[in-house]
Amino acid sequence: MKRAILALLAAAVVGCSGPSEPPPTSIKPLDNAKVVAARLNLQQDAELAPCNIQVSAENELLVMKGGVPSEAAKKRAETVVRKVEGIEHVANHLVVQPETAQTPDL
């Protein structure tokens, strides 16, 4: 009788010590296809293509880094990437770097 109780107790302890499921999370990571789609959209835009904007994902956030010629281009880049289905959160870390005026050599 004691052995039966000990066997049941041991089975219960072993069953509880197995791997557990990770806790549920509300963060839905962006998949690579959405990041690639955002990059393609930026590359197909005549104003933004020369800017070589870096695009990555951090969990559910699409992150843009790099330089653009104007504040309007910065806003346009965000609008362009938001057109990709499933992209809801964008971190726009683009820096406005106006082209320097070229002066003729004298």
C-alpha atoms as a PDB file:
ATOM      1  CA  MET A   1       0.000   0.000   0.000  1.00  0.00           C
ATOM      2  CA  LYS A   2       2.810   2.389   0.907  1.00  0.00           C
ATOM      3  CA  ARG A   3       4.559   1.559  -2.343  1.00  0.00           C
ATOM      4  CA  ALA A   4       1.433   2.353  -4.366  1.00  0.00           C
ATOM      5  CA  ILE A   5       1.062   5.751  -2.681  1.00  0.00           C
ATOM      6  CA  LEU A   6       4.774   6.513  -3.193  1.00  0.00           C
ATOM      7  CA  ALA A   7       4.523   5.510  -6.854  1.00  0.00           C
ATOM      8  CA  LEU A   8       1.529   7.818  -7.371  1.00  0.00           C
ATOM      9  CA  LEU A   9       3.294  10.628  -5.557  1.00  0.00           C
ATOM     10  CA  ALA A  10       6.450  10.176  -7.654  1.00  0.00           C
ATOM     11  CA  ALA A  11       4.417  10.159 -10.873  1.00  0.00           C
ATOM     12  CA  ALA A  12       2.676  13.387  -9.860  1.00  0.00           C
ATOM     13  CA  VAL A  13       5.975  15.121  -9.061  1.00  0.00           C
ATOM     14  CA  VAL A  14       7.602  13.981 -12.309  1.00  0.00           C
ATOM     15  CA  GLY A  15       4.546  15.099 -14.304  1.00  0.00           C
ATOM     16  CA  CYS A  16       4.719  18.579 -12.782  1.00  0.00           C
ATOM     17  CA  SER A  17       8.388  19.100 -13.456  1.00  0.00           C
ATOM     18  CA  GLY A  18       8.161  18.817 -17.265  1.00  0.00           C
ATOM     19  CA  PRO A  19       8.604  21.736 -19.658  1.00  0.00           C
ATOM     20  CA  SER A  20       5.911  24.344 -19.459  1.00  0.00           C
ATOM     21  CA  GLU A  21       4.392  26.523 -22.156  1.00  0.00           C
ATOM     22  CA  PRO A  22       5.667  30.105 -22.342  1.00  0.00           C
ATOM     23  CA  PRO A  23       3.253  32.652 -20.922  1.00  0.00           C
ATOM     24  CA  PRO A  24       0.811  34.162 -23.411  1.00  0.00           C
ATOM     25  CA  THR A  25       1.753  37.539 -24.814  1.00  0.00           C
ATOM     26  CA  SER A  26      -0.076  40.338 -26.549  1.00  0.00           C
ATOM     27  CA  ILE A  27       2.970  41.134 -28.715  1.00  0.00           C
ATOM     28  CA  LYS A  28       2.535  39.891 -32.256  1.00  0.00           C
ATOM     29  CA  PRO A  29       5.915  39.958 -33.980  1.00  0.00           C
ATOM     30  CA  LEU A  30       6.022  41.131 -37.584  1.00  0.00           C
ATOM     31  CA  ASP A  31       6.991  38.406 -39.970  1.00  0.00           C
ATOM     32  CA  ASN A  32       9.834  38.834 -42.426  1.00  0.00           C
ATOM     33  CA  ALA A  33       7.457  39.055 -45.409  1.00  0.00           C
ATOM     34  CA  LYS A  34       5.994  42.318 -44.065  1.00  0.00           C
ATOM     35  CA  VAL A  35       9.449  43.812 -43.548  1.00  0.00           C
ATOM     36  CA  VAL A  36      10.443  42.833 -47.096  1.00  0.00           C
ATOM     37  CA  ALA A  37       7.189  44.295 -48.466  1.00  0.00           C
ATOM     38  CA  ALA A  38       7.865  47.582 -46.652  1.00  0.00           C
ATOM     39  CA  ARG A  39      11.410  47.709 -48.103  1.00  0.00           C
ATOM     40  CA  LEU A  40      10.074  47.063 -51.603  1.00  0.00           C
ATOM     41  CA  ASN A  41       7.488  49.824 -51.248  1.00  0.00           C
ATOM     42  CA  LEU A  42      10.219  52.275 -50.244  1.00  0.00           C
ATOM     43  CA  GLN A  43      12.486  51.162 -53.110  1.00  0.00           C
ATOM     44  CA  GLN A  44       9.689  51.638 -55.641  1.00  0.00           C
ATOM     45  CA  ASP A  45       9.030  55.220 -54.554  1.00  0.00           C
ATOM     46  CA  ALA A  46      10.984  57.612 -56.822  1.00  0.00           C
ATOM     47  CA  GLU A  47      11.695  60.111 -54.012  1.00  0.00           C
ATOM     48  CA  LEU A  48      12.571  57.561 -51.331  1.00  0.00           C
ATOM     49  CA  ALA A  49      14.494  54.923 -53.316  1.00  0.00           C
ATOM     50  CA  PRO A  50      17.800  56.876 -53.353  1.00  0.00           C
ATOM     51  CA  CYS A  51      17.640  57.316 -49.551  1.00  0.00           C
ATOM     52  CA  ASN A  52      18.560  53.685 -48.766  1.00  0.00           C
ATOM     53  CA  ILE A  53      16.258  53.543 -45.728  1.00  0.00           C
ATOM     54  CA  GLN A  54      16.976  50.677 -43.327  1.00  0.00           C
ATOM     55  CA  VAL A  55      13.880  48.722 -42.285  1.00  0.00           C
ATOM     56  CA  SER A  56      13.715  46.168 -39.474  1.00  0.00           C
ATOM     57  CA  ALA A  57      11.185  44.706 -37.060  1.00  0.00           C
ATOM     58  CA  GLU A  58      11.238  44.713 -33.291  1.00  0.00           C
ATOM     59  CA  ASN A  59       8.316  42.609 -32.111  1.00  0.00           C
ATOM     60  CA  GLU A  60       5.178  44.279 -33.502  1.00  0.00           C
ATOM     61  CA  LEU A  61       7.027  47.477 -34.397  1.00  0.00           C
ATOM     62  CA  LEU A  62       8.428  48.325 -37.833  1.00  0.00           C
ATOM     63  CA  VAL A  63      11.575  50.452 -37.409  1.00  0.00           C
ATOM     64  CA  MET A  64      12.916  52.816 -40.088  1.00  0.00           C
ATOM     65  CA  LYS A  65      16.403  54.346 -39.832  1.00  0.00           C
ATOM     66  CA  GLY A  66      18.464  56.462 -42.183  1.00  0.00           C
ATOM     67  CA  GLY A  67      18.451  59.876 -43.768  1.00  0.00           C
ATOM     68  CA  VAL A  68      15.915  61.622 -45.992  1.00  0.00           C
ATOM     69  CA  PRO A  69      16.097  64.990 -47.783  1.00  0.00           C
ATOM     70  CA  SER A  70      13.077  66.636 -46.136  1.00  0.00           C
ATOM     71  CA  GLU A  71      10.428  66.440 -43.451  1.00  0.00           C
ATOM     72  CA  ALA A  72       7.900  65.692 -46.209  1.00  0.00           C
ATOM     73  CA  ALA A  73       9.993  62.685 -47.303  1.00  0.00           C
ATOM     74  CA  LYS A  74      10.121  61.470 -43.713  1.00  0.00           C
ATOM     75  CA  LYS A  75       6.324  61.569 -43.463  1.00  0.00           C
ATOM     76  CA  ARG A  76       5.979  60.022 -46.917  1.00  0.00           C
ATOM     77  CA  ALA A  77       8.177  57.064 -45.913  1.00  0.00           C
ATOM     78  CA  GLU A  78       5.925  56.324 -42.960  1.00  0.00           C
ATOM     79  CA  THR A  79       2.828  56.554 -45.153  1.00  0.00           C
ATOM     80  CA  VAL A  80       4.394  54.202 -47.716  1.00  0.00           C
ATOM     81  CA  VAL A  81       5.280  51.474 -45.188  1.00  0.00           C
ATOM     82  CA  ARG A  82       1.882  51.689 -43.488  1.00  0.00           C
ATOM     83  CA  LYS A  83       0.317  50.589 -46.796  1.00  0.00           C
ATOM     84  CA  VAL A  84       1.603  47.066 -46.096  1.00  0.00           C
ATOM     85  CA  GLU A  85      -1.209  45.005 -44.606  1.00  0.00           C
ATOM     86  CA  GLY A  86      -0.496  44.115 -40.986  1.00  0.00           C
ATOM     87  CA  ILE A  87       1.859  46.989 -40.220  1.00  0.00           C
ATOM     88  CA  GLU A  88       0.198  49.041 -37.514  1.00  0.00           C
ATOM     89  CA  HIS A  89       3.076  50.420 -35.445  1.00  0.00           C
ATOM     90  CA  VAL A  90       5.967  52.327 -37.014  1.00  0.00           C
ATOM     91  CA  ALA A  91       9.008  53.816 -35.288  1.00  0.00           C
ATOM     92  CA  ASN A  92      10.171  56.524 -37.677  1.00  0.00           C
ATOM     93  CA  HIS A  93      13.806  57.219 -36.751  1.00  0.00           C
ATOM     94  CA  LEU A  94      14.584  58.876 -40.075  1.00  0.00           C
ATOM     95  CA  VAL A  95      16.772  61.970 -39.893  1.00  0.00           C
ATOM     96  CA  VAL A  96      16.224  64.923 -42.203  1.00  0.00           C
ATOM     97  CA  GLN A  97      19.500  65.604 -44.009  1.00  0.00           C
ATOM     98  CA  PRO A  98      18.898  68.260 -46.663  1.00  0.00           C
ATOM     99  CA  GLU A  99      21.166  68.013 -49.634  1.00  0.00           C
ATOM    100  CA  THR A 100      23.944  70.537 -49.403  1.00  0.00           C
ATOM    101  CA  ALA A 101      23.760  73.248 -52.020  1.00  0.00           C
ATOM    102  CA  GLN A 102      26.501  72.869 -54.577  1.00  0.00           C
ATOM    103  CA  THR A 103      28.327  76.010 -55.525  1.00  0.00           C
ATOM    104  CA  PRO A 104      30.071  76.298 -58.868  1.00  0.00           C
ATOM    105  CA  ASP A 105      33.873  76.188 -58.851  1.00  0.00           C
ATOM    106  CA  LEU A 106      35.409  79.584 -59.540  1.00  0.00           C
END
